Amino acid sequence: MTTLTLGKALNEGLRKAMDDDPKVLIMGEDVGKLGGVFRITDGLQKDFGEERVIDTPLAESGIVGTAIGLALRGYRPVVEIQFDGFVFPAVDQIITQLAKMRMRSLGKVELPVVVRIPCGGGIGAVEHHSESPEVYFTHTAGLRVVACSNPADAYSMIQQSIASPDPVVFFEPKRRYWDKADVDTETADWTPLHAARVVRPGDDVTVLSYGPAVKTCLEAAVAAGEEGRSVEVIDLRSLNPLDIETVTASVHRTGRCVVVHEAAVFSGYGAELAARITERCFYRLEAPVLRVGGFSTPYPPSRIEDHYLPDLDRILDAVDRTFGW
C-alpha cells in the first residue's frame, strides 16, 4: 500500500496506463510543461515526451475533435478539460460525434476517448470553475459517465476508463484532490468500473452520492450514528451505466433513501435516481425519496458557496425528514 492524494493517484494511474500502452496520449491546456492547473499530469511530459503529452490551444472543441480523429487512427486519447465550466464549447463534439460514432458505424468503429473533467465547488472559485455538469452527459446515450471520490478509486478507475472501448466522461472532485488514503498500486484487484460500492453499511436509511459529496455523506452518517440512526452510504461511482441492483437491494432493506449531489436539485441526476427507486421499491418505501443538492441559481461568489453546497446539516435534515412519514 502507498499513501497518495487523490490527485497523485490520478497521476500514477495515468502513468501506469501510458507505460502499459504506447497508444495512450494525454491532451489539454497546460497539461505538459505546467502539469495541469491542479498538477494532475505533473512530470508526464518530461517522462513520455511532447508527442504523448500534448499542450493544446485554448479550444475545447478542437481538443475533443482532435482526440476523436486520433481514436479513429487507433490511439487512446485522454483529454483534460481544465475546469468543469469550460466543457461546454466541446459539448457539440462530445454529444454529436463522440457519443454517436459507434452506433452510427453499426458497432464497427470504437472511440476509446476519456474526457477528464475536474468538477464541483469547494475551492473558492467562481462560476465556470465550480460547476456540476454531469447530467448533460448521463442523458446522452453512447457515453459512459463515472465519478471517483477517493484516491484508490481514482487510481483504478482512470485506468479502467482508458481501457474501455467506449468514450468515458471522467469526473474528478477537485476539492478532494488533496485528500489522502492508502492505494494498492501493486495489484489490479479492482471493483468493476460500473459497480457501486457500499462505503458505510447501515440499516435505517440509504444515502446515495458520488464524487465530491461522498465524504460529506460519510461525515453525516457518523453524526447520525451518534443520534442512534444507522445510515448506509453508497458511492455510486458510475452514473451511466448505473448499478441499480446495488441501490435497490439497499433501499429494499432500509425502506428510506436520500440522494445527495452538488448539482442543482431541479432536473438533476437525483431525479432519475428517485424515479428508478420509486419504480423498483415502491412497496418497500417508508417515505418518499428525498434529494439534497445545489439551488437553482448560477454558481454563487466564493464567499457564499458554503451556503450553496450540500453540507452536513442539510443532509442530516433530509435523513430526519424520512422518519417523519
C-alpha atoms as a PDB file:
ATOM      1  CA  MET A   1       0.000   0.000   0.000  1.00  0.00           C
ATOM      2  CA  THR A   2       1.091   3.535  -0.792  1.00  0.00           C
ATOM      3  CA  THR A   3      -0.426   6.666   0.757  1.00  0.00           C
ATOM      4  CA  LEU A   4      -1.413   9.051  -2.042  1.00  0.00           C
ATOM      5  CA  THR A   5      -3.556  12.109  -2.510  1.00  0.00           C
ATOM      6  CA  LEU A   6      -6.403  11.736  -4.974  1.00  0.00           C
ATOM      7  CA  GLY A   7      -4.537  13.983  -7.414  1.00  0.00           C
ATOM      8  CA  LYS A   8      -1.356  11.948  -7.153  1.00  0.00           C
ATOM      9  CA  ALA A   9      -3.333   8.717  -7.528  1.00  0.00           C
ATOM     10  CA  LEU A  10      -4.691  10.020 -10.827  1.00  0.00           C
ATOM     11  CA  ASN A  11      -1.171  10.920 -11.880  1.00  0.00           C
ATOM     12  CA  GLU A  12       0.079   7.433 -11.046  1.00  0.00           C
ATOM     13  CA  GLY A  13      -2.879   5.826 -12.818  1.00  0.00           C
ATOM     14  CA  LEU A  14      -2.215   7.846 -15.961  1.00  0.00           C
ATOM     15  CA  ARG A  15       1.476   6.982 -15.780  1.00  0.00           C
ATOM     16  CA  LYS A  16       0.699   3.255 -15.477  1.00  0.00           C
ATOM     17  CA  ALA A  17      -1.692   3.377 -18.436  1.00  0.00           C
ATOM     18  CA  MET A  18       0.929   5.153 -20.558  1.00  0.00           C
ATOM     19  CA  ASP A  19       3.603   2.652 -19.527  1.00  0.00           C
ATOM     20  CA  ASP A  20       1.355  -0.264 -20.469  1.00  0.00           C
ATOM     21  CA  ASP A  21       0.122   1.067 -23.826  1.00  0.00           C
ATOM     22  CA  PRO A  22       2.132   3.366 -26.139  1.00  0.00           C
ATOM     23  CA  LYS A  23      -1.134   4.365 -27.855  1.00  0.00           C
ATOM     24  CA  VAL A  24      -2.306   6.269 -24.762  1.00  0.00           C
ATOM     25  CA  LEU A  25      -1.941  10.040 -25.226  1.00  0.00           C
ATOM     26  CA  ILE A  26      -2.779  12.986 -22.972  1.00  0.00           C
ATOM     27  CA  MET A  27      -4.068  16.255 -24.420  1.00  0.00           C
ATOM     28  CA  GLY A  28      -5.222  19.517 -22.914  1.00  0.00           C
ATOM     29  CA  GLU A  29      -4.496  23.083 -21.916  1.00  0.00           C
ATOM     30  CA  ASP A  30      -1.257  23.311 -19.883  1.00  0.00           C
ATOM     31  CA  VAL A  31      -1.079  19.543 -19.272  1.00  0.00           C
ATOM     32  CA  GLY A  32       2.534  19.335 -20.426  1.00  0.00           C
ATOM     33  CA  LYS A  33       5.143  21.742 -19.117  1.00  0.00           C
ATOM     34  CA  LEU A  34       2.912  23.031 -16.306  1.00  0.00           C
ATOM     35  CA  GLY A  35       1.475  19.622 -15.451  1.00  0.00           C
ATOM     36  CA  GLY A  36      -2.095  20.945 -15.432  1.00  0.00           C
ATOM     37  CA  VAL A  37      -3.576  23.629 -13.200  1.00  0.00           C
ATOM     38  CA  PHE A  38      -4.062  21.004 -10.466  1.00  0.00           C
ATOM     39  CA  ARG A  39      -0.757  19.258 -11.344  1.00  0.00           C
ATOM     40  CA  ILE A  40      -2.538  16.005 -12.199  1.00  0.00           C
ATOM     41  CA  THR A  41      -0.239  15.432 -15.206  1.00  0.00           C
ATOM     42  CA  ASP A  42       2.882  16.714 -13.461  1.00  0.00           C
ATOM     43  CA  GLY A  43       6.058  15.110 -14.814  1.00  0.00           C
ATOM     44  CA  LEU A  44       4.364  13.088 -17.537  1.00  0.00           C
ATOM     45  CA  GLN A  45       5.558  15.196 -20.462  1.00  0.00           C
ATOM     46  CA  LYS A  46       9.111  15.071 -19.142  1.00  0.00           C
ATOM     47  CA  ASP A  47       8.981  11.258 -18.984  1.00  0.00           C
ATOM     48  CA  PHE A  48       6.906  10.478 -22.084  1.00  0.00           C
ATOM     49  CA  GLY A  49       7.695  13.387 -24.391  1.00  0.00           C
ATOM     50  CA  GLU A  50       5.759  16.115 -26.148  1.00  0.00           C
ATOM     51  CA  GLU A  51       4.286  13.700 -28.700  1.00  0.00           C
ATOM     52  CA  ARG A  52       2.381  11.819 -25.989  1.00  0.00           C
ATOM     53  CA  VAL A  53       1.584  14.631 -23.536  1.00  0.00           C
ATOM     54  CA  ILE A  54       0.398  17.459 -25.727  1.00  0.00           C
ATOM     55  CA  ASP A  55      -0.168  21.092 -24.741  1.00  0.00           C
ATOM     56  CA  THR A  56      -3.090  22.325 -26.816  1.00  0.00           C
ATOM     57  CA  PRO A  57      -4.530  25.737 -27.707  1.00  0.00           C
ATOM     58  CA  LEU A  58      -7.385  27.115 -25.594  1.00  0.00           C
ATOM     59  CA  ALA A  59     -10.052  25.484 -27.759  1.00  0.00           C
ATOM     60  CA  GLU A  60     -12.029  22.677 -26.121  1.00  0.00           C
ATOM     61  CA  SER A  61     -13.957  21.798 -29.274  1.00  0.00           C
ATOM     62  CA  GLY A  62     -10.675  21.449 -31.149  1.00  0.00           C
ATOM     63  CA  ILE A  63      -9.151  19.352 -28.363  1.00  0.00           C
ATOM     64  CA  VAL A  64     -12.006  16.842 -28.352  1.00  0.00           C
ATOM     65  CA  GLY A  65     -12.301  16.885 -32.138  1.00  0.00           C
ATOM     66  CA  THR A  66      -8.602  16.093 -32.471  1.00  0.00           C
ATOM     67  CA  ALA A  67      -8.973  13.293 -29.908  1.00  0.00           C
ATOM     68  CA  ILE A  68     -11.780  11.781 -31.981  1.00  0.00           C
ATOM     69  CA  GLY A  69      -9.532  11.774 -35.052  1.00  0.00           C
ATOM     70  CA  LEU A  70      -6.694  10.174 -33.094  1.00  0.00           C
ATOM     71  CA  ALA A  71      -9.041   7.499 -31.733  1.00  0.00           C
ATOM     72  CA  LEU A  72     -10.155   6.695 -35.271  1.00  0.00           C
ATOM     73  CA  ARG A  73      -6.469   6.108 -36.080  1.00  0.00           C
ATOM     74  CA  GLY A  74      -6.034   3.646 -33.217  1.00  0.00           C
ATOM     75  CA  TYR A  75      -4.868   5.858 -30.357  1.00  0.00           C
ATOM     76  CA  ARG A  76      -6.409   6.123 -26.889  1.00  0.00           C
ATOM     77  CA  PRO A  77      -6.509   9.857 -26.114  1.00  0.00           C
ATOM     78  CA  VAL A  78      -7.114  11.178 -22.606  1.00  0.00           C
ATOM     79  CA  VAL A  79      -8.448  14.718 -22.815  1.00  0.00           C
ATOM     80  CA  GLU A  80      -8.282  17.116 -19.885  1.00  0.00           C
ATOM     81  CA  ILE A  81     -10.881  19.856 -19.664  1.00  0.00           C
ATOM     82  CA  GLN A  82      -9.182  22.404 -17.415  1.00  0.00           C
ATOM     83  CA  PHE A  83     -12.327  23.328 -15.445  1.00  0.00           C
ATOM     84  CA  ASP A  84     -15.838  21.877 -15.490  1.00  0.00           C
ATOM     85  CA  GLY A  85     -17.428  25.060 -16.861  1.00  0.00           C
ATOM     86  CA  PHE A  86     -15.052  25.008 -19.822  1.00  0.00           C
ATOM     87  CA  VAL A  87     -16.507  21.797 -21.251  1.00  0.00           C
ATOM     88  CA  PHE A  88     -19.449  23.481 -22.939  1.00  0.00           C
ATOM     89  CA  PRO A  89     -17.577  24.602 -26.081  1.00  0.00           C
ATOM     90  CA  ALA A  90     -16.808  20.904 -26.595  1.00  0.00           C
ATOM     91  CA  VAL A  91     -20.344  19.643 -25.980  1.00  0.00           C
ATOM     92  CA  ASP A  92     -21.107  19.617 -29.711  1.00  0.00           C
ATOM     93  CA  GLN A  93     -18.158  17.287 -30.379  1.00  0.00           C
ATOM     94  CA  ILE A  94     -18.902  15.100 -27.347  1.00  0.00           C
ATOM     95  CA  ILE A  95     -22.646  14.695 -27.917  1.00  0.00           C
ATOM     96  CA  THR A  96     -22.980  14.756 -31.707  1.00  0.00           C
ATOM     97  CA  GLN A  97     -19.786  12.885 -32.619  1.00  0.00           C
ATOM     98  CA  LEU A  98     -18.099  11.087 -29.733  1.00  0.00           C
ATOM     99  CA  ALA A  99     -21.270   9.578 -28.297  1.00  0.00           C
ATOM    100  CA  LYS A 100     -22.788   8.506 -31.610  1.00  0.00           C
ATOM    101  CA  MET A 101     -19.934   7.134 -33.702  1.00  0.00           C
ATOM    102  CA  ARG A 102     -20.196   3.527 -32.546  1.00  0.00           C
ATOM    103  CA  MET A 103     -23.940   3.331 -33.201  1.00  0.00           C
ATOM    104  CA  ARG A 104     -23.534   5.210 -36.488  1.00  0.00           C
ATOM    105  CA  SER A 105     -20.989   2.618 -37.657  1.00  0.00           C
ATOM    106  CA  LEU A 106     -23.122  -0.339 -36.501  1.00  0.00           C
ATOM    107  CA  GLY A 107     -20.515  -1.154 -33.868  1.00  0.00           C
ATOM    108  CA  LYS A 108     -17.580  -1.297 -36.263  1.00  0.00           C
ATOM    109  CA  VAL A 109     -15.846   1.869 -35.018  1.00  0.00           C
ATOM    110  CA  GLU A 110     -14.772   2.305 -31.413  1.00  0.00           C
ATOM    111  CA  LEU A 111     -13.802   5.658 -29.924  1.00  0.00           C
ATOM    112  CA  PRO A 112     -11.804   4.959 -26.740  1.00  0.00           C
ATOM    113  CA  VAL A 113     -11.568   8.582 -25.626  1.00  0.00           C
ATOM    114  CA  VAL A 114     -11.519   9.644 -21.961  1.00  0.00           C
ATOM    115  CA  VAL A 115     -12.671  13.190 -21.204  1.00  0.00           C
ATOM    116  CA  ARG A 116     -11.380  14.166 -17.744  1.00  0.00           C
ATOM    117  CA  ILE A 117     -13.375  16.938 -16.067  1.00  0.00           C
ATOM    118  CA  PRO A 118     -12.495  18.400 -12.649  1.00  0.00           C
ATOM    119  CA  CYS A 119     -15.925  19.039 -11.139  1.00  0.00           C
ATOM    120  CA  GLY A 120     -17.737  20.685  -8.263  1.00  0.00           C
ATOM    121  CA  GLY A 121     -17.106  23.554  -5.907  1.00  0.00           C
ATOM    122  CA  GLY A 122     -15.444  23.995  -2.568  1.00  0.00           C
ATOM    123  CA  ILE A 123     -12.160  25.590  -3.691  1.00  0.00           C
ATOM    124  CA  GLY A 124     -13.163  29.243  -3.504  1.00  0.00           C
ATOM    125  CA  ALA A 125     -13.503  29.662  -7.247  1.00  0.00           C
ATOM    126  CA  VAL A 126     -16.236  31.399  -9.247  1.00  0.00           C
ATOM    127  CA  GLU A 127     -18.770  30.312 -11.850  1.00  0.00           C
ATOM    128  CA  HIS A 128     -17.340  28.369 -14.805  1.00  0.00           C
ATOM    129  CA  HIS A 129     -14.816  26.908 -12.324  1.00  0.00           C
ATOM    130  CA  SER A 130     -17.178  25.173  -9.894  1.00  0.00           C
ATOM    131  CA  GLU A 131     -19.873  23.526 -11.999  1.00  0.00           C
ATOM    132  CA  SER A 132     -21.504  20.091 -11.798  1.00  0.00           C
ATOM    133  CA  PRO A 133     -22.471  19.325 -15.425  1.00  0.00           C
ATOM    134  CA  GLU A 134     -22.777  15.538 -15.124  1.00  0.00           C
ATOM    135  CA  VAL A 135     -26.470  15.330 -16.030  1.00  0.00           C
ATOM    136  CA  TYR A 136     -25.837  16.681 -19.538  1.00  0.00           C
ATOM    137  CA  PHE A 137     -23.700  13.626 -20.239  1.00  0.00           C
ATOM    138  CA  THR A 138     -25.651  10.974 -18.333  1.00  0.00           C
ATOM    139  CA  HIS A 139     -28.606  11.925 -20.527  1.00  0.00           C
ATOM    140  CA  THR A 140     -26.544  11.231 -23.662  1.00  0.00           C
ATOM    141  CA  ALA A 141     -26.685   7.638 -24.859  1.00  0.00           C
ATOM    142  CA  GLY A 142     -23.313   6.330 -26.022  1.00  0.00           C
ATOM    143  CA  LEU A 143     -21.265   7.878 -23.224  1.00  0.00           C
ATOM    144  CA  ARG A 144     -20.065   6.144 -20.097  1.00  0.00           C
ATOM    145  CA  VAL A 145     -20.024   8.571 -17.168  1.00  0.00           C
ATOM    146  CA  VAL A 146     -18.092   7.867 -13.969  1.00  0.00           C
ATOM    147  CA  ALA A 147     -17.041   9.852 -10.897  1.00  0.00           C
ATOM    148  CA  CYS A 148     -14.288   8.952  -8.443  1.00  0.00           C
ATOM    149  CA  SER A 149     -14.449  10.055  -4.813  1.00  0.00           C
ATOM    150  CA  ASN A 150     -11.246   8.750  -3.206  1.00  0.00           C
ATOM    151  CA  PRO A 151      -7.595   8.053  -4.128  1.00  0.00           C
ATOM    152  CA  ALA A 152      -7.959   4.267  -4.528  1.00  0.00           C
ATOM    153  CA  ASP A 153     -10.832   4.650  -6.991  1.00  0.00           C
ATOM    154  CA  ALA A 154      -9.041   7.470  -8.790  1.00  0.00           C
ATOM    155  CA  TYR A 155      -6.067   5.192  -9.438  1.00  0.00           C
ATOM    156  CA  SER A 156      -8.087   2.223 -10.666  1.00  0.00           C
ATOM    157  CA  MET A 157     -10.980   3.961 -12.418  1.00  0.00           C
ATOM    158  CA  ILE A 158      -8.797   6.140 -14.646  1.00  0.00           C
ATOM    159  CA  GLN A 159      -7.012   3.030 -15.911  1.00  0.00           C
ATOM    160  CA  GLN A 160     -10.275   1.141 -16.408  1.00  0.00           C
ATOM    161  CA  SER A 161     -11.717   4.120 -18.280  1.00  0.00           C
ATOM    162  CA  ILE A 162      -8.715   4.316 -20.604  1.00  0.00           C
ATOM    163  CA  ALA A 163      -9.088   0.586 -21.328  1.00  0.00           C
ATOM    164  CA  SER A 164     -12.797   0.988 -22.184  1.00  0.00           C
ATOM    165  CA  PRO A 165     -13.739   0.630 -25.858  1.00  0.00           C
ATOM    166  CA  ASP A 166     -16.368   3.356 -25.443  1.00  0.00           C
ATOM    167  CA  PRO A 167     -15.921   7.059 -24.678  1.00  0.00           C
ATOM    168  CA  VAL A 168     -15.850   7.831 -20.953  1.00  0.00           C
ATOM    169  CA  VAL A 169     -16.582  11.152 -19.289  1.00  0.00           C
ATOM    170  CA  PHE A 170     -14.500  11.023 -16.116  1.00  0.00           C
ATOM    171  CA  PHE A 171     -15.452  13.415 -13.316  1.00  0.00           C
ATOM    172  CA  GLU A 172     -12.831  14.277 -10.709  1.00  0.00           C
ATOM    173  CA  PRO A 173     -13.853  16.037  -7.451  1.00  0.00           C
ATOM    174  CA  LYS A 174     -11.455  18.971  -7.425  1.00  0.00           C
ATOM    175  CA  ARG A 175     -11.907  19.803  -3.733  1.00  0.00           C
ATOM    176  CA  ARG A 176     -10.856  16.244  -2.895  1.00  0.00           C
ATOM    177  CA  TYR A 177      -7.615  16.341  -4.908  1.00  0.00           C
ATOM    178  CA  TRP A 178      -5.609  16.757  -1.695  1.00  0.00           C
ATOM    179  CA  ASP A 179      -7.390  14.048   0.362  1.00  0.00           C
ATOM    180  CA  LYS A 180      -5.055  11.183   1.255  1.00  0.00           C
ATOM    181  CA  ALA A 181      -5.646   7.424   1.534  1.00  0.00           C
ATOM    182  CA  ASP A 182      -3.864   4.126   1.034  1.00  0.00           C
ATOM    183  CA  VAL A 183      -3.754   2.902  -2.576  1.00  0.00           C
ATOM    184  CA  ASP A 184      -2.735  -0.574  -3.697  1.00  0.00           C
ATOM    185  CA  THR A 185      -0.583   0.082  -6.759  1.00  0.00           C
ATOM    186  CA  GLU A 186       0.786  -3.458  -6.926  1.00  0.00           C
ATOM    187  CA  THR A 187      -2.329  -5.450  -7.884  1.00  0.00           C
ATOM    188  CA  ALA A 188      -5.288  -4.929 -10.187  1.00  0.00           C
ATOM    189  CA  ASP A 189      -7.904  -6.475  -7.894  1.00  0.00           C
ATOM    190  CA  TRP A 190     -10.288  -3.604  -8.556  1.00  0.00           C
ATOM    191  CA  THR A 191     -14.005  -3.080  -8.204  1.00  0.00           C
ATOM    192  CA  PRO A 192     -15.571  -3.206 -11.698  1.00  0.00           C
ATOM    193  CA  LEU A 193     -15.749   0.247 -13.257  1.00  0.00           C
ATOM    194  CA  HIS A 194     -19.543   0.409 -13.329  1.00  0.00           C
ATOM    195  CA  ALA A 195     -20.249  -1.115  -9.905  1.00  0.00           C
ATOM    196  CA  ALA A 196     -21.471   0.941  -6.967  1.00  0.00           C
ATOM    197  CA  ARG A 197     -19.923   0.368  -3.549  1.00  0.00           C
ATOM    198  CA  VAL A 198     -21.389   0.389  -0.053  1.00  0.00           C
ATOM    199  CA  VAL A 199     -18.840   2.556   1.761  1.00  0.00           C
ATOM    200  CA  ARG A 200     -20.654   2.525   5.105  1.00  0.00           C
ATOM    201  CA  PRO A 201     -23.203  -0.195   5.993  1.00  0.00           C
ATOM    202  CA  GLY A 202     -26.410   0.786   7.765  1.00  0.00           C
ATOM    203  CA  ASP A 203     -29.951  -0.378   8.432  1.00  0.00           C
ATOM    204  CA  ASP A 204     -32.251   2.654   8.765  1.00  0.00           C
ATOM    205  CA  VAL A 205     -31.784   4.815   5.657  1.00  0.00           C
ATOM    206  CA  THR A 206     -29.805   4.658   2.405  1.00  0.00           C
ATOM    207  CA  VAL A 207     -27.831   7.728   1.321  1.00  0.00           C
ATOM    208  CA  LEU A 208     -26.711   7.761  -2.313  1.00  0.00           C
ATOM    209  CA  SER A 209     -23.970  10.016  -3.599  1.00  0.00           C
ATOM    210  CA  TYR A 210     -20.945  10.283  -5.886  1.00  0.00           C
ATOM    211  CA  GLY A 211     -17.832  12.364  -6.411  1.00  0.00           C
ATOM    212  CA  PRO A 212     -17.164  15.250  -4.002  1.00  0.00           C
ATOM    213  CA  ALA A 213     -20.296  14.738  -1.869  1.00  0.00           C
ATOM    214  CA  VAL A 214     -19.453  11.189  -0.753  1.00  0.00           C
ATOM    215  CA  LYS A 215     -17.110  12.370   2.005  1.00  0.00           C
ATOM    216  CA  THR A 216     -19.744  14.799   3.281  1.00  0.00           C
ATOM    217  CA  CYS A 217     -22.303  11.994   3.368  1.00  0.00           C
ATOM    218  CA  LEU A 218     -19.927   9.796   5.365  1.00  0.00           C
ATOM    219  CA  GLU A 219     -19.464  12.610   7.880  1.00  0.00           C
ATOM    220  CA  ALA A 220     -23.255  12.968   8.111  1.00  0.00           C
ATOM    221  CA  ALA A 221     -23.605   9.211   8.666  1.00  0.00           C
ATOM    222  CA  VAL A 222     -21.186   9.374  11.599  1.00  0.00           C
ATOM    223  CA  ALA A 223     -23.142  12.270  13.110  1.00  0.00           C
ATOM    224  CA  ALA A 224     -26.453  10.425  12.621  1.00  0.00           C
ATOM    225  CA  GLY A 225     -24.976   7.374  14.308  1.00  0.00           C
ATOM    226  CA  GLU A 226     -24.354   9.444  17.430  1.00  0.00           C
ATOM    227  CA  GLU A 227     -28.118  10.062  17.494  1.00  0.00           C
ATOM    228  CA  GLY A 228     -28.876   6.367  17.156  1.00  0.00           C
ATOM    229  CA  ARG A 229     -29.619   6.232  13.435  1.00  0.00           C
ATOM    230  CA  SER A 230     -27.858   3.733  11.212  1.00  0.00           C
ATOM    231  CA  VAL A 231     -27.131   5.297   7.814  1.00  0.00           C
ATOM    232  CA  GLU A 232     -25.927   3.262   4.847  1.00  0.00           C
ATOM    233  CA  VAL A 233     -23.829   5.289   2.384  1.00  0.00           C
ATOM    234  CA  ILE A 234     -23.425   4.124  -1.207  1.00  0.00           C
ATOM    235  CA  ASP A 235     -20.844   5.638  -3.559  1.00  0.00           C
ATOM    236  CA  LEU A 236     -22.436   5.205  -6.997  1.00  0.00           C
ATOM    237  CA  ARG A 237     -19.072   5.614  -8.791  1.00  0.00           C
ATOM    238  CA  SER A 238     -20.718   5.045 -12.190  1.00  0.00           C
ATOM    239  CA  LEU A 239     -23.577   7.321 -13.246  1.00  0.00           C
ATOM    240  CA  ASN A 240     -24.144   5.754 -16.646  1.00  0.00           C
ATOM    241  CA  PRO A 241     -24.489   2.825 -16.667  1.00  0.00           C
ATOM    242  CA  LEU A 242     -25.976   2.817 -13.176  1.00  0.00           C
ATOM    243  CA  ASP A 243     -25.604  -0.130 -10.809  1.00  0.00           C
ATOM    244  CA  ILE A 244     -29.280  -0.090  -9.899  1.00  0.00           C
ATOM    245  CA  GLU A 245     -29.144  -3.570  -8.344  1.00  0.00           C
ATOM    246  CA  THR A 246     -26.861  -2.451  -5.511  1.00  0.00           C
ATOM    247  CA  VAL A 247     -29.027   0.613  -4.950  1.00  0.00           C
ATOM    248  CA  THR A 248     -32.358  -1.218  -4.859  1.00  0.00           C
ATOM    249  CA  ALA A 249     -31.025  -4.007  -2.655  1.00  0.00           C
ATOM    250  CA  SER A 250     -30.092  -1.398  -0.064  1.00  0.00           C
ATOM    251  CA  VAL A 251     -33.362   0.536  -0.272  1.00  0.00           C
ATOM    252  CA  HIS A 252     -35.387  -2.693  -0.086  1.00  0.00           C
ATOM    253  CA  ARG A 253     -33.706  -3.314   3.253  1.00  0.00           C
ATOM    254  CA  THR A 254     -33.746   0.206   4.736  1.00  0.00           C
ATOM    255  CA  GLY A 255     -37.043   1.477   3.302  1.00  0.00           C
ATOM    256  CA  ARG A 256     -35.746   5.047   3.126  1.00  0.00           C
ATOM    257  CA  CYS A 257     -33.477   6.894   0.707  1.00  0.00           C
ATOM    258  CA  VAL A 258     -31.769  10.288   0.440  1.00  0.00           C
ATOM    259  CA  VAL A 259     -29.850  11.338  -2.683  1.00  0.00           C
ATOM    260  CA  VAL A 260     -27.057  13.917  -2.363  1.00  0.00           C
ATOM    261  CA  HIS A 261     -25.174  15.768  -5.102  1.00  0.00           C
ATOM    262  CA  GLU A 262     -23.701  19.225  -5.639  1.00  0.00           C
ATOM    263  CA  ALA A 263     -25.638  19.934  -8.841  1.00  0.00           C
ATOM    264  CA  ALA A 264     -28.962  21.750  -8.669  1.00  0.00           C
ATOM    265  CA  VAL A 265     -31.823  19.541  -7.497  1.00  0.00           C
ATOM    266  CA  PHE A 266     -34.253  20.533 -10.273  1.00  0.00           C
ATOM    267  CA  SER A 267     -33.850  18.071 -13.163  1.00  0.00           C
ATOM    268  CA  GLY A 268     -30.621  16.866 -11.549  1.00  0.00           C
ATOM    269  CA  TYR A 269     -29.255  13.325 -11.514  1.00  0.00           C
ATOM    270  CA  GLY A 270     -31.059  12.696  -8.238  1.00  0.00           C
ATOM    271  CA  ALA A 271     -34.389  12.965 -10.044  1.00  0.00           C
ATOM    272  CA  GLU A 272     -33.501   9.938 -12.176  1.00  0.00           C
ATOM    273  CA  LEU A 273     -32.409   8.016  -9.082  1.00  0.00           C
ATOM    274  CA  ALA A 274     -35.615   8.908  -7.249  1.00  0.00           C
ATOM    275  CA  ALA A 275     -37.730   7.764 -10.200  1.00  0.00           C
ATOM    276  CA  ARG A 276     -35.920   4.453 -10.586  1.00  0.00           C
ATOM    277  CA  ILE A 277     -36.021   3.711  -6.873  1.00  0.00           C
ATOM    278  CA  THR A 278     -39.729   4.517  -6.727  1.00  0.00           C
ATOM    279  CA  GLU A 279     -40.412   2.199  -9.676  1.00  0.00           C
ATOM    280  CA  ARG A 280     -38.483  -0.700  -8.155  1.00  0.00           C
ATOM    281  CA  CYS A 281     -39.005  -0.210  -4.412  1.00  0.00           C
ATOM    282  CA  PHE A 282     -42.476   1.358  -4.160  1.00  0.00           C
ATOM    283  CA  TYR A 283     -43.948  -1.211  -1.774  1.00  0.00           C
ATOM    284  CA  ARG A 284     -40.829  -1.200   0.417  1.00  0.00           C
ATOM    285  CA  LEU A 285     -40.551   2.560   0.838  1.00  0.00           C
ATOM    286  CA  GLU A 286     -41.484   4.040   4.214  1.00  0.00           C
ATOM    287  CA  ALA A 287     -41.049   7.613   2.898  1.00  0.00           C
ATOM    288  CA  PRO A 288     -40.562   9.447  -0.409  1.00  0.00           C
ATOM    289  CA  VAL A 289     -37.056   9.547  -1.848  1.00  0.00           C
ATOM    290  CA  LEU A 290     -35.606  12.911  -0.793  1.00  0.00           C
ATOM    291  CA  ARG A 291     -32.963  14.917  -2.615  1.00  0.00           C
ATOM    292  CA  VAL A 292     -30.293  17.268  -1.298  1.00  0.00           C
ATOM    293  CA  GLY A 293     -28.318  19.398  -3.739  1.00  0.00           C
ATOM    294  CA  GLY A 294     -27.487  22.831  -5.029  1.00  0.00           C
ATOM    295  CA  PHE A 295     -30.049  25.537  -5.615  1.00  0.00           C
ATOM    296  CA  SER A 296     -31.494  26.606  -8.963  1.00  0.00           C
ATOM    297  CA  THR A 297     -29.136  29.541  -9.362  1.00  0.00           C
ATOM    298  CA  PRO A 298     -25.860  30.099 -11.183  1.00  0.00           C
ATOM    299  CA  TYR A 299     -22.897  29.189  -9.001  1.00  0.00           C
ATOM    300  CA  PRO A 300     -22.524  31.914  -6.354  1.00  0.00           C
ATOM    301  CA  PRO A 301     -19.499  34.049  -5.404  1.00  0.00           C
ATOM    302  CA  SER A 302     -16.898  32.097  -3.471  1.00  0.00           C
ATOM    303  CA  ARG A 303     -17.655  33.823  -0.164  1.00  0.00           C
ATOM    304  CA  ILE A 304     -21.101  32.261  -0.008  1.00  0.00           C
ATOM    305  CA  GLU A 305     -20.500  28.925  -1.751  1.00  0.00           C
ATOM    306  CA  ASP A 306     -20.748  27.155   1.620  1.00  0.00           C
ATOM    307  CA  HIS A 307     -24.417  28.140   1.676  1.00  0.00           C
ATOM    308  CA  TYR A 308     -24.932  26.694  -1.796  1.00  0.00           C
ATOM    309  CA  LEU A 309     -23.197  23.334  -1.412  1.00  0.00           C
ATOM    310  CA  PRO A 310     -24.921  20.488   0.458  1.00  0.00           C
ATOM    311  CA  ASP A 311     -23.435  20.281   3.928  1.00  0.00           C
ATOM    312  CA  LEU A 312     -23.725  18.006   6.923  1.00  0.00           C
ATOM    313  CA  ASP A 313     -26.719  19.862   8.377  1.00  0.00           C
ATOM    314  CA  ARG A 314     -28.770  19.723   5.175  1.00  0.00           C
ATOM    315  CA  ILE A 315     -28.073  16.008   4.759  1.00  0.00           C
ATOM    316  CA  LEU A 316     -28.990  15.270   8.377  1.00  0.00           C
ATOM    317  CA  ASP A 317     -32.186  17.298   7.966  1.00  0.00           C
ATOM    318  CA  ALA A 318     -33.193  15.148   4.992  1.00  0.00           C
ATOM    319  CA  VAL A 319     -32.388  11.968   6.931  1.00  0.00           C
ATOM    320  CA  ASP A 320     -34.564  13.213   9.809  1.00  0.00           C
ATOM    321  CA  ARG A 321     -37.434  14.047   7.436  1.00  0.00           C
ATOM    322  CA  THR A 322     -37.506  10.497   6.060  1.00  0.00           C
ATOM    323  CA  PHE A 323     -38.506   9.345   9.542  1.00  0.00           C
ATOM    324  CA  GLY A 324     -41.401  11.789   9.712  1.00  0.00           C
ATOM    325  CA  TRP A 325     -43.708   9.851   7.388  1.00  0.00           C
END
